[in-house]
Protein backbone atom coordinates (compact mmCIF):
# COMPACT_ATOMS: atom_id res chain seq x y z
CA UNK A 1 18.31 21.36 -64.85
CA UNK A 2 17.16 21.70 -61.19
CA UNK A 3 17.80 18.86 -58.78
CA UNK A 4 15.41 17.68 -56.04
CA UNK A 5 15.21 19.65 -52.81
CA UNK A 6 16.76 18.15 -49.67
CA UNK A 7 14.50 15.41 -48.45
CA UNK A 8 12.99 14.85 -51.90
CA UNK A 9 13.54 11.95 -54.24
CA UNK A 10 17.23 12.73 -54.34
CA UNK A 11 17.85 10.56 -51.27
CA UNK A 12 15.30 11.32 -48.63
CA UNK A 13 17.72 13.47 -46.66
CA UNK A 14 15.09 14.85 -44.31
CA UNK A 15 13.62 11.41 -43.52
CA UNK A 16 16.94 9.74 -42.76
CA UNK A 17 18.15 12.72 -40.77
CA UNK A 18 14.94 12.68 -38.72
CA UNK A 19 15.38 8.96 -37.98
CA UNK A 20 18.97 9.63 -36.96
CA UNK A 21 17.78 12.44 -34.68
CA UNK A 22 15.30 10.12 -32.96
CA UNK A 23 18.06 7.54 -32.56
CA UNK A 24 20.33 10.22 -31.07
CA UNK A 25 17.75 10.97 -28.40
CA UNK A 26 17.29 7.28 -27.58
CA UNK A 27 21.05 6.78 -27.31
CA UNK A 28 21.36 9.84 -25.08
CA UNK A 29 18.64 8.45 -22.79
CA UNK A 30 20.37 5.07 -22.64
CA UNK A 31 23.68 6.72 -21.82
CA UNK A 32 22.10 8.79 -19.05
CA UNK A 33 20.51 5.72 -17.46
CA UNK A 34 23.67 3.65 -17.83
CA UNK A 35 25.87 6.25 -16.16
CA UNK A 36 23.29 6.73 -13.40
CA UNK A 37 23.16 2.95 -12.86
CA UNK A 38 26.94 2.84 -12.48
CA UNK A 39 27.03 5.73 -10.02
CA UNK A 40 24.12 4.33 -8.00
CA UNK A 41 26.34 1.34 -7.24
CA UNK A 42 28.76 3.75 -5.54
CA UNK A 43 26.05 5.76 -3.78
CA UNK A 44 23.17 3.31 -3.19
CA UNK A 45 20.95 1.35 -5.51
CA UNK A 46 17.81 3.23 -4.42
CA UNK A 47 19.32 6.53 -5.67
CA UNK A 48 19.06 5.43 -9.30
CA UNK A 49 16.63 7.55 -11.36
CA UNK A 50 14.17 4.79 -12.29
CA UNK A 51 13.85 3.61 -8.69
CA UNK A 52 13.70 7.15 -7.28
CA UNK A 53 11.16 8.42 -9.81
CA UNK A 54 9.16 5.20 -9.46
CA UNK A 55 9.05 5.58 -5.69
CA UNK A 56 7.96 9.19 -6.01
CA UNK A 57 5.24 8.12 -8.46
CA UNK A 58 3.98 5.49 -6.02
CA UNK A 59 3.88 8.03 -3.20
CA UNK A 60 1.81 10.42 -5.28
CA UNK A 61 -0.55 7.86 -6.80
CA UNK A 62 -4.08 7.92 -5.33
CA UNK A 63 -4.85 4.95 -3.09
CA UNK A 64 -7.64 3.76 -5.39
CA UNK A 65 -5.22 3.59 -8.34
CA UNK A 66 -2.67 1.65 -6.28
CA UNK A 67 -5.38 -0.75 -5.21
CA UNK A 68 -6.39 -1.21 -8.85
CA UNK A 69 -2.78 -1.90 -9.86
CA UNK A 70 -2.43 -4.55 -7.16
CA UNK A 71 -5.65 -6.24 -8.31
CA UNK A 72 -4.63 -6.17 -11.96
CA UNK A 73 -0.94 -7.02 -11.77
CA UNK A 74 -0.48 -8.59 -8.33
CA UNK A 75 3.15 -8.87 -7.28
CA UNK A 76 4.18 -7.76 -10.80
CA UNK A 77 2.85 -4.25 -10.20
CA UNK A 78 6.34 -2.87 -9.56
CA UNK A 79 7.75 -4.46 -12.70
CA UNK A 80 4.91 -2.93 -14.71
CA UNK A 81 5.59 0.50 -13.15
CA UNK A 82 9.31 0.34 -13.93
CA UNK A 83 8.62 -0.76 -17.51
CA UNK A 84 6.18 2.13 -17.85
CA UNK A 85 8.73 4.63 -16.57
CA UNK A 86 11.38 3.37 -18.99
CA UNK A 87 8.89 3.51 -21.88
CA UNK A 88 7.93 7.10 -21.06
CA UNK A 89 11.60 8.09 -20.77
CA UNK A 90 12.31 6.45 -24.12
CA UNK A 91 9.53 8.43 -25.84
CA UNK A 92 10.69 11.69 -24.28
CA UNK A 93 14.29 10.96 -25.25
CA UNK A 94 13.24 10.39 -28.87
CA UNK A 95 11.31 13.67 -28.83
CA UNK A 96 14.34 15.53 -27.46
CA UNK A 97 16.47 13.99 -30.20
CA UNK A 98 14.13 15.45 -32.83
CA UNK A 99 14.21 18.82 -31.08
CA UNK A 100 18.01 18.75 -31.14
CA UNK A 101 18.01 18.58 -34.95
CA UNK A 102 17.11 22.27 -35.04
CA UNK A 103 18.08 23.36 -31.50
CA UNK A 104 21.07 21.42 -30.16
CA UNK A 105 21.25 23.35 -26.93
CA UNK A 106 17.52 23.04 -26.24
CA UNK A 107 17.58 19.27 -26.78
CA UNK A 108 20.58 18.84 -24.51
CA UNK A 109 18.95 21.08 -21.88
CA UNK A 110 15.89 18.81 -21.94
CA UNK A 111 18.02 15.80 -21.04
CA UNK A 112 19.62 17.81 -18.22
CA UNK A 113 16.15 18.72 -16.95
CA UNK A 114 15.16 15.08 -16.64
CA UNK A 115 18.39 14.38 -14.80
CA UNK A 116 17.49 17.16 -12.37
CA UNK A 117 14.01 15.67 -11.87
CA UNK A 118 15.56 12.30 -11.04
CA UNK A 119 17.95 13.96 -8.61
CA UNK A 120 15.10 15.79 -6.88
CA UNK A 121 13.12 12.58 -6.59
CA UNK A 122 16.12 10.79 -5.08
CA UNK A 123 16.89 13.34 -2.36
CA UNK A 124 13.24 13.78 -1.36
CA UNK A 125 12.58 10.04 -0.85
CA UNK A 126 11.79 9.14 2.78
CA UNK A 127 14.82 6.82 2.94
CA UNK A 128 17.27 9.42 1.62
CA UNK A 129 19.78 10.61 4.21
CA UNK A 130 22.29 12.50 2.06
CA UNK A 131 22.33 14.99 -0.86
CA UNK A 132 24.80 12.59 -2.48
CA UNK A 133 21.71 10.63 -3.60
CA UNK A 134 21.31 13.30 -6.31
CA UNK A 135 24.61 12.43 -8.01
CA UNK A 136 23.56 9.43 -10.13
CA UNK A 137 20.74 11.29 -11.85
CA UNK A 138 22.68 14.56 -12.20
CA UNK A 139 25.83 13.00 -13.66
CA UNK A 140 23.73 10.71 -15.84
CA UNK A 141 21.84 13.75 -17.13
CA UNK A 142 25.09 15.57 -17.96
CA UNK A 143 26.43 12.50 -19.81
CA UNK A 144 23.21 12.13 -21.81
CA UNK A 145 23.05 15.83 -22.64
CA UNK A 146 26.67 15.87 -23.82
CA UNK A 147 26.12 12.85 -26.03
CA UNK A 148 23.00 14.32 -27.61
CA UNK A 149 24.84 17.59 -28.28
CA UNK A 150 27.67 15.71 -30.02
CA UNK A 151 25.40 13.46 -32.08
CA UNK A 152 23.19 16.38 -33.11
CA UNK A 153 26.33 18.13 -34.33
CA UNK A 154 26.95 15.26 -36.72
CA UNK A 155 23.46 15.82 -38.12
CA UNK A 156 23.95 19.47 -39.01
CA UNK A 157 23.11 20.15 -42.67
CA UNK A 158 25.88 21.64 -44.78
CA UNK A 159 25.92 22.79 -48.42
CA UNK A 160 28.02 20.77 -50.87
CA UNK A 161 28.66 21.59 -54.52
CA UNK A 162 27.10 18.99 -56.80
CA UNK A 163 29.61 18.77 -59.64
CA UNK A 164 27.83 21.08 -62.11
CA UNK A 165 29.23 21.08 -65.64
CA UNK A 166 31.45 24.13 -66.30
CA UNK A 167 30.29 26.73 -68.85
CA UNK A 168 32.06 26.87 -72.25
CA UNK A 169 34.85 29.35 -72.77
CA UNK A 170 32.56 31.93 -74.26
CA UNK A 171 30.05 31.51 -71.42
CA UNK A 172 26.48 30.32 -71.77
CA UNK A 173 23.93 33.03 -71.65
CA UNK A 174 20.90 32.10 -69.58
CA UNK A 175 22.55 28.99 -68.05
CA UNK A 176 21.56 28.64 -64.32
CA UNK A 177 24.15 27.05 -62.05
CA UNK A 178 23.19 23.97 -60.00
CA UNK A 179 22.29 24.81 -56.35
CA UNK A 180 24.47 23.19 -53.68
CA UNK A 181 23.24 19.87 -52.33
CA UNK A 182 22.19 19.60 -48.64
CA UNK A 183 24.15 16.90 -46.80
CA UNK A 184 25.15 15.74 -43.30
CA UNK A 185 27.97 13.66 -41.88
CA UNK A 186 26.50 10.16 -42.17
CA UNK A 187 29.74 8.34 -41.62
CA UNK A 188 30.69 10.44 -38.62
CA UNK A 189 27.24 9.93 -37.11
CA UNK A 190 27.32 6.17 -37.55
CA UNK A 191 30.75 5.91 -35.94
CA UNK A 192 29.76 8.14 -33.00
CA UNK A 193 26.39 6.42 -32.49
CA UNK A 194 27.92 2.95 -32.58
CA UNK A 195 30.60 3.93 -30.09
CA UNK A 196 27.99 5.52 -27.81
CA UNK A 197 25.77 2.42 -27.94
CA UNK A 198 28.67 0.12 -27.11
CA UNK A 199 29.89 2.34 -24.27
CA UNK A 200 26.39 2.65 -22.78
CA UNK A 201 25.89 -1.10 -22.89
CA UNK A 202 29.21 -1.68 -21.16
CA UNK A 203 28.66 0.98 -18.50
CA UNK A 204 25.12 -0.24 -17.84
CA UNK A 205 26.25 -3.86 -17.52
CA UNK A 206 29.01 -2.85 -15.13
CA UNK A 207 26.56 -0.82 -13.05
CA UNK A 208 24.11 -3.70 -12.81
CA UNK A 209 26.91 -6.06 -11.86
CA UNK A 210 28.19 -3.75 -9.12
CA UNK A 211 24.69 -3.18 -7.78
CA UNK A 212 24.15 -6.93 -7.62
CA UNK A 213 27.49 -7.37 -5.87
CA UNK A 214 26.56 -4.64 -3.40
CA UNK A 215 24.02 -6.99 -1.82
CA UNK A 216 26.48 -9.87 -1.41
CA UNK A 217 27.35 -8.91 2.15
CA UNK A 218 23.67 -9.01 3.06
CA UNK A 219 23.26 -12.40 1.37
CA UNK A 220 26.35 -13.70 3.17
CA UNK A 221 25.02 -12.46 6.51
CA UNK A 222 21.76 -14.33 5.92
CA UNK A 223 23.60 -17.49 4.90
CA UNK A 224 25.54 -17.45 8.18
CA UNK A 225 22.44 -17.33 10.37
CA UNK A 226 21.42 -20.44 12.26
CA UNK A 227 18.15 -19.86 14.05
CA UNK A 228 18.25 -21.34 17.55
CA UNK A 229 15.50 -23.63 18.78
CA UNK A 230 12.66 -21.48 20.14
CA UNK A 231 12.03 -21.47 23.86
CA UNK A 232 8.31 -21.61 23.06
CA UNK A 233 7.81 -23.85 20.04
CA UNK A 234 4.65 -23.91 17.96
CA UNK A 235 2.54 -27.01 18.50
CA UNK A 236 2.51 -29.51 15.67
CA UNK A 237 -0.01 -28.72 12.96
CA UNK A 238 -3.09 -30.88 13.73
CA UNK A 239 -3.31 -33.92 11.53
CA UNK A 240 -6.68 -32.89 10.15
CA UNK A 241 -5.80 -29.26 9.41
CA UNK A 242 -5.33 -29.98 5.68
CA UNK A 243 -8.43 -31.22 3.90
CA UNK A 244 -7.78 -33.95 1.33
CA UNK A 245 -9.42 -32.17 -1.58
CA UNK A 246 -7.39 -31.38 -4.71
CA UNK A 247 -7.18 -27.66 -5.43
CA UNK A 248 -7.32 -26.40 -1.84
CA UNK A 249 -4.51 -24.11 -0.67
CA UNK A 250 -1.78 -25.74 1.38
CA UNK A 251 -2.26 -25.12 5.10
CA UNK A 252 1.32 -23.80 5.29
CA UNK A 253 2.19 -21.36 2.53
CA UNK A 254 5.75 -21.62 1.22
CA UNK A 255 7.89 -18.50 1.15
CA UNK A 256 7.93 -18.70 -2.66
CA UNK A 257 4.12 -18.70 -2.83
CA UNK A 258 3.49 -16.20 -0.04
CA UNK A 259 1.99 -12.96 -1.31
CA UNK A 260 4.10 -9.83 -1.44
CA UNK A 261 2.46 -6.39 -1.46
CA UNK A 262 4.61 -3.34 -0.63
CA UNK A 263 5.85 -0.12 -2.22
CA UNK A 264 9.54 -1.06 -2.56
CA UNK A 265 10.58 -0.99 -6.23
CA UNK A 266 13.91 -2.51 -5.20
CA UNK A 267 13.91 -5.14 -2.45
CA UNK A 268 16.19 -3.82 0.32
CA UNK A 269 19.26 -5.94 0.95
CA UNK A 270 20.09 -5.29 4.60
CA UNK A 271 23.17 -6.77 6.26
CA UNK A 272 22.08 -8.49 9.47
CA UNK A 273 25.49 -7.79 11.03
CA UNK A 274 25.06 -4.03 10.79
CA UNK A 275 21.27 -3.90 11.25
CA UNK A 276 19.99 -2.01 14.29
CA UNK A 277 16.52 -1.33 15.70
CA UNK A 278 15.91 1.84 17.70
CA UNK A 279 13.03 2.01 20.22
CA UNK A 280 12.12 5.47 21.48
CA UNK A 281 9.35 8.00 21.88
CA UNK A 282 6.49 8.93 24.17
CA UNK A 283 6.40 6.90 27.38
CA UNK A 284 9.64 5.05 26.61
CA UNK A 285 11.48 5.32 29.92
CA UNK A 286 14.56 3.50 28.67
CA UNK A 287 15.20 4.16 24.97
CA UNK A 288 17.28 1.40 23.47
CA UNK A 289 18.92 0.10 20.32
CA UNK A 290 19.16 -3.62 19.64
CA UNK A 291 21.13 -5.62 17.08
CA UNK A 292 20.21 -8.84 15.30
CA UNK A 293 22.59 -10.73 17.59
CA UNK A 294 20.80 -9.22 20.61
CA UNK A 295 17.49 -10.61 19.34
CA UNK A 296 18.98 -14.05 18.73
CA UNK A 297 20.12 -14.17 22.36
CA UNK A 298 16.63 -13.47 23.63
CA UNK A 299 13.89 -16.00 24.28
CA UNK A 300 12.34 -16.87 20.93
CA UNK A 301 8.78 -17.92 20.20
CA UNK A 302 7.46 -19.88 17.24
CA UNK A 303 3.88 -19.46 16.01
CA UNK A 304 1.66 -20.31 13.05
CA UNK A 305 0.10 -17.01 11.94
CA UNK A 306 -2.01 -16.14 8.91
CA UNK A 307 -1.36 -12.72 7.34
CA UNK A 308 -3.86 -10.84 5.17
CA UNK A 309 -3.34 -7.78 2.98
CA UNK A 310 -5.95 -5.05 3.17
CA UNK A 311 -5.90 -4.96 -0.65
CA UNK A 312 -7.26 -8.50 -0.79
CA UNK A 313 -10.58 -8.55 -2.63
CA UNK A 314 -13.32 -10.95 -1.57
CA UNK A 315 -12.03 -14.36 -2.65
CA UNK A 316 -8.60 -12.87 -3.44
CA UNK A 317 -5.11 -14.42 -3.16
CA UNK A 318 -3.41 -11.97 -0.79
CA UNK A 319 -3.62 -14.14 2.31
CA UNK A 320 -1.15 -16.78 3.47
CA UNK A 321 -0.20 -18.85 6.50
CA UNK A 322 3.36 -19.49 7.69
CA UNK A 323 5.30 -20.60 10.75
CA UNK A 324 7.14 -17.59 12.16
CA UNK A 325 9.90 -17.43 14.74
CA UNK A 326 10.81 -14.25 16.61
CA UNK A 327 10.90 -12.19 19.78
CA UNK A 328 7.81 -11.12 21.69
CA UNK A 329 7.38 -7.44 20.94
CA UNK A 330 5.42 -6.76 24.12
CA UNK A 331 8.30 -8.04 26.27
CA UNK A 332 10.80 -5.83 24.49
CA UNK A 333 8.57 -2.77 24.88
CA UNK A 334 7.95 -3.51 28.54
CA UNK A 335 11.70 -3.64 29.18
CA UNK A 336 11.89 -0.13 27.70
CA UNK A 337 9.31 1.06 30.21
CA UNK A 338 6.33 1.15 27.84
CA UNK A 339 2.84 0.80 29.32
CA UNK A 340 -0.22 0.32 27.09
CA UNK A 341 -3.00 2.94 27.26
CA UNK A 342 -5.20 0.38 29.01
CA UNK A 343 -2.75 0.60 31.93
CA UNK A 344 -2.23 4.35 31.79
CA UNK A 345 0.50 4.61 29.16
CA UNK A 346 0.67 7.93 27.25
CA UNK A 347 1.25 6.43 23.77
CA UNK A 348 -1.59 4.74 21.91
CA UNK A 349 0.22 4.27 18.56
CA UNK A 350 3.38 2.39 17.72
CA UNK A 351 4.95 3.74 14.51
CA UNK A 352 7.22 1.23 12.80
CA UNK A 353 9.66 2.55 10.19
CA UNK A 354 11.29 0.52 7.45
CA UNK A 355 14.69 1.05 5.86
CA UNK A 356 12.86 2.11 2.68
CA UNK A 357 11.05 4.91 4.51
CA UNK A 358 7.68 3.15 4.89
CA UNK A 359 5.77 3.94 8.10
CA UNK A 360 3.08 1.76 9.69
CA UNK A 361 0.95 2.66 12.72
CA UNK A 362 -0.24 -0.04 15.15
CA UNK A 363 -2.45 0.32 18.26
CA UNK A 364 -0.21 -0.18 21.32
CA UNK A 365 -3.03 -1.94 23.16
CA UNK A 366 -3.19 -4.60 20.44
CA UNK A 367 0.56 -5.16 20.57
CA UNK A 368 0.55 -5.59 24.37
CA UNK A 369 -2.75 -7.39 25.04
CA UNK A 370 -1.21 -10.85 25.17
CA UNK A 371 -1.44 -11.88 21.52
CA UNK A 372 1.70 -13.19 19.81
CA UNK A 373 2.89 -9.87 18.37
CA UNK A 374 6.52 -10.35 17.45
CA UNK A 375 9.63 -9.15 15.73
CA UNK A 376 9.96 -12.06 13.32
CA UNK A 377 13.41 -13.38 12.36
CA UNK A 378 12.42 -16.55 10.55
CA UNK A 379 9.74 -17.98 8.27
CA UNK A 380 8.98 -21.68 7.88
CA UNK A 381 12.17 -22.70 9.68
CA UNK A 382 14.59 -20.43 7.81
CA UNK A 383 15.75 -16.82 8.12
CA UNK A 384 13.29 -14.43 6.48
CA UNK A 385 13.63 -14.14 2.69
CA UNK A 386 14.68 -10.65 1.58
CA UNK A 387 11.32 -10.19 -0.13
CA UNK A 388 9.55 -10.81 3.16
CA UNK A 389 11.55 -8.47 5.35
CA UNK A 390 14.99 -9.88 6.16
CA UNK A 391 16.54 -9.42 8.63
CA UNK A 392 13.55 -8.49 10.84
CA UNK A 393 9.88 -7.71 10.30
CA UNK A 394 6.98 -7.03 12.63
CA UNK A 395 3.83 -9.18 12.94
CA UNK A 396 0.66 -8.55 14.94
CA UNK A 397 -1.99 -11.30 14.56
CA UNK A 398 -5.50 -10.07 13.78
CA UNK A 399 -4.57 -6.83 12.01
CA UNK A 400 -4.19 -6.18 8.30
CA UNK A 401 -0.59 -5.95 7.15
CA UNK A 402 -0.57 -2.21 6.45
CA UNK A 403 -0.99 -1.48 10.17
CA UNK A 404 1.00 -4.35 11.61
CA UNK A 405 3.50 -6.14 9.38
CA UNK A 406 6.38 -3.72 8.78
CA UNK A 407 9.12 -5.36 6.71
CA UNK A 408 12.81 -4.40 6.96
CA UNK A 409 11.98 -2.61 10.21
CA UNK A 410 14.65 -0.34 11.72
CA UNK A 411 12.81 2.06 14.05
CA UNK A 412 9.93 1.92 16.54
CA UNK A 413 8.53 5.18 17.88
CA UNK A 414 5.82 5.36 20.53
CA UNK A 415 3.44 8.24 19.85
CA UNK A 416 -0.29 8.95 19.52
CA UNK A 417 -2.78 8.65 16.69
CA UNK A 418 -3.54 12.35 17.04
CA UNK A 419 0.12 13.32 16.71
CA UNK A 420 1.12 11.32 13.64
CA UNK A 421 -0.44 9.81 10.52
CA UNK A 422 1.65 7.01 8.95
CA UNK A 423 2.02 6.42 5.22
CA UNK A 424 -1.30 4.71 4.41
CA UNK A 425 -3.41 6.78 6.80
CA UNK A 426 -2.26 9.90 4.94
CA UNK A 427 -3.70 8.22 1.86
CA UNK A 428 -7.18 7.77 3.33
CA UNK A 429 -6.89 4.26 4.73
CA UNK A 430 -8.23 3.62 8.24
CA UNK A 431 -6.08 4.16 11.32
CA UNK A 432 -7.09 0.85 12.88
CA UNK A 433 -7.79 -2.22 10.77
CA UNK A 434 -8.71 -5.53 12.39
CA UNK A 435 -9.00 -8.36 9.88
CA UNK A 436 -12.57 -8.99 8.77
CA UNK A 437 -14.19 -12.42 8.89
CA UNK A 438 -13.77 -13.89 5.40
CA UNK A 439 -13.96 -17.17 3.49
CA UNK A 440 -12.95 -18.31 0.02
CA UNK A 441 -13.88 -21.12 -2.35
CA UNK A 442 -10.68 -22.68 -3.72
CA UNK A 443 -12.40 -25.47 -5.64
CA UNK A 444 -14.23 -25.70 -7.97
CA UNK A 445 -12.77 -22.71 -9.79
CA UNK A 446 -14.99 -20.10 -11.43
CA UNK A 447 -16.53 -21.35 -14.69
CA UNK A 448 -15.42 -24.93 -14.00
CA UNK A 449 -17.38 -27.77 -15.63
CA UNK A 450 -17.56 -30.60 -13.10
CA UNK A 451 -19.45 -33.82 -13.80
CA UNK A 452 -22.83 -34.47 -12.21
CA UNK A 453 -22.70 -36.37 -8.93
CA UNK A 454 -20.79 -35.61 -5.76
CA UNK A 455 -18.54 -32.59 -6.20
CA UNK A 456 -16.31 -31.52 -3.35
CA UNK A 457 -16.54 -27.78 -2.66
CA UNK A 458 -13.68 -26.65 -0.43
CA UNK A 459 -11.59 -23.69 0.59
CA UNK A 460 -10.33 -21.61 3.52
CA UNK A 461 -11.81 -19.19 6.05
CA UNK A 462 -10.10 -16.76 8.40
CA UNK A 463 -10.81 -14.38 11.27
CA UNK A 464 -7.38 -13.97 12.84
CA UNK A 465 -7.26 -13.72 16.62
CA UNK A 466 -10.96 -14.63 16.83
CA UNK A 467 -11.00 -17.98 15.08
CA UNK A 468 -13.53 -19.63 12.77
CA UNK A 469 -16.51 -21.39 14.37
CA UNK A 470 -18.58 -22.35 11.32
CA UNK A 471 -18.59 -22.31 7.52
CA UNK A 472 -21.71 -22.65 5.39
CA UNK A 473 -22.30 -23.17 1.67
CA UNK A 474 -25.33 -22.22 -0.41
CA UNK A 475 -26.19 -23.55 -3.85
CA UNK A 476 -28.06 -20.99 -5.94
CA UNK A 477 -30.86 -19.57 -3.74
CA UNK A 478 -31.16 -22.69 -1.60
CA UNK A 479 -30.67 -22.98 2.15
CA UNK A 480 -27.33 -22.53 3.87
CA UNK A 481 -25.75 -25.91 4.62
CA UNK A 482 -22.99 -26.47 7.16
CA UNK A 483 -19.62 -27.44 5.76
CA UNK A 484 -17.14 -29.78 7.42
CA UNK A 485 -14.42 -27.86 9.23
CA UNK A 486 -10.83 -29.07 9.23
CA UNK A 487 -8.96 -29.16 12.53
CA UNK A 488 -7.98 -25.75 13.88
CA UNK A 489 -4.31 -25.02 14.52
CA UNK A 490 -4.86 -21.76 16.44
CA UNK A 491 -7.29 -18.87 16.31
CA UNK A 492 -4.57 -16.87 14.53
CA UNK A 493 -4.53 -19.18 11.49
CA UNK A 494 -6.93 -19.79 8.68
CA UNK A 495 -9.13 -22.86 8.74
CA UNK A 496 -9.93 -25.16 5.87
CA UNK A 497 -13.38 -26.53 5.11
CA UNK A 498 -15.11 -28.87 2.66
CA UNK A 499 -18.65 -29.62 1.53
CA UNK A 500 -19.86 -32.63 -0.54
CA UNK A 501 -22.29 -31.23 -3.06
CA UNK A 502 -24.76 -33.42 -4.95
CA UNK A 503 -24.34 -31.60 -8.24
CA UNK A 504 -27.10 -31.67 -10.86
CA UNK A 505 -26.66 -30.72 -14.53
CA UNK A 506 -26.89 -27.04 -15.43
CA UNK A 507 -25.51 -23.72 -14.30
CA UNK A 508 -25.15 -23.10 -10.56
CA UNK A 509 -23.82 -20.42 -8.20
CA UNK A 510 -21.93 -21.55 -5.10
CA UNK A 511 -21.60 -19.08 -2.22
CA UNK A 512 -19.73 -19.41 1.07
CA UNK A 513 -19.93 -17.58 4.39
CA UNK A 514 -18.10 -17.98 7.70
CA UNK A 515 -18.98 -17.31 11.33
CA UNK A 516 -16.21 -16.37 13.73
CA UNK A 517 -15.94 -17.35 17.37
CA UNK A 518 -17.54 -14.13 18.56
CA UNK A 519 -20.70 -15.14 16.68
CA UNK A 520 -20.24 -12.60 13.89
CA UNK A 521 -21.47 -13.90 10.53
CA UNK A 522 -19.59 -12.83 7.42
CA UNK A 523 -21.61 -9.99 5.94
CA UNK A 524 -23.09 -10.14 2.46
CA UNK A 525 -22.65 -6.38 2.03
CA UNK A 526 -20.00 -5.72 -0.58
CA UNK A 527 -17.48 -2.97 0.14
CA UNK A 528 -14.24 -1.88 -1.49
CA UNK A 529 -10.89 -2.62 0.05
CA UNK A 530 -10.53 1.08 0.94
CA UNK A 531 -10.52 2.19 3.75
CA UNK A 532 -10.33 -0.90 6.01
CA UNK A 533 -10.60 -4.04 3.89
CA UNK A 534 -13.13 -5.61 1.55
CA UNK A 535 -16.29 -7.30 2.79
CA UNK A 536 -18.87 -9.54 1.13
CA UNK A 537 -19.29 -13.22 0.33
CA UNK A 538 -17.30 -15.16 -2.21
CA UNK A 539 -19.25 -16.92 -4.93
CA UNK A 540 -18.33 -18.92 -8.03
CA UNK A 541 -20.41 -19.86 -11.05
CA UNK A 542 -19.99 -23.37 -12.47
CA UNK A 543 -21.67 -25.48 -15.15
CA UNK A 544 -22.34 -29.12 -14.29
CA UNK A 545 -22.20 -31.49 -17.26
């Protein structure tokens, strides 16, 4: 009698072999990433395929999509991107495993191709300085391809006799012999797959451990820093700067709560002992290079400054106020012979470069017009956190961060706006971006249900380097009523406000607007964040019980 075909009821050969093929691809992908992780510890963490491909994806993503990702995921946008990359790689690896069931060489070649793509991404990153950056992805690709080739070999179908009964001595006319049974090396596959999984886990864990240890010198250098007392200390925060209304943002934002928006998938760990800043370019009569120790020996200033991200929507969270300590940037530039355009200098743009390859362009006139533009070394009394630019970042009050607040800065070039477009300008953001006059309602929250009676409406307003002169609140379509302003620290910080509202039962819309010290009233016209920051008035809807 005839037996079932391979993959039929006889044992589901085709189904189990297909599942094993998919598993082979997944294991090959894991092995490739694990080996690449280990090698990136020897080369540099940023050369790993996930980081390199992720950085390349960020660079090629339209500005509107990036802006959407920041709004949707906030500071978790990079984690979401990395998870997405790993998920896509996992699906492709599974597909290549299925391909390898019929075409071992083609499946292995596919893994090699993805290794080559990772290598290309690594060596073309702005922060790449050596072709050695290609090694983690290339070697990882070879390891993954070899593993897939071996595992697919264990899945090759062979013919096996199925113990048919022998014919009688005289022979049996018309008797048809049993066909051979299709089989594959299950035991060999299980042993090889288990060994591969264990080895990949071990290699990956070792790579992660070494990469983590690679930043220990940077951590140690930060731990050794003792910021000296500034020659020009910030005045004490006025007693009335913080309104006593629950739910309002703290006047000083802690480092842990301060927003972080940048393109770095991996936070750079820079050793302060080896860090250097180069100043050069058009109109720089005395090019120079300074170390962190050089900056510590200079006269330091301490200032309360509010920073705002250009991606902050009306009423959004990407604004924070901290006490910064650093070196006056204008003084350092002047010592290098730099003159602003207002005094005849040839360079109108300062291009700041980060260790991760980011470039920011700042108007030279704004840096040297007397405002407290600085190279910041400390935040809220401590050395900068790594996430916020350790060892040194740039700050220019009154400008959105993408044109003024370069983190992990290592190079300053004086040039012109006509000669060079920095990273965000090439992606259709504005060349110059002064912070717009804005205000936000912190309490009550949208869709809150306060009780009837006096309800305190409160929040913050900002117009850095101009200052806030007035804040007004409107209930529904009623008249604008002046809110109580908290004490002002400086014109470079946000200002808190409060308004006692006699709330009546029902649904209500609360709207806020600010007026800066130049007399400009916050516009009601809504615009997107692109190209130079969002505009409009923040409003919340509440229901009074």
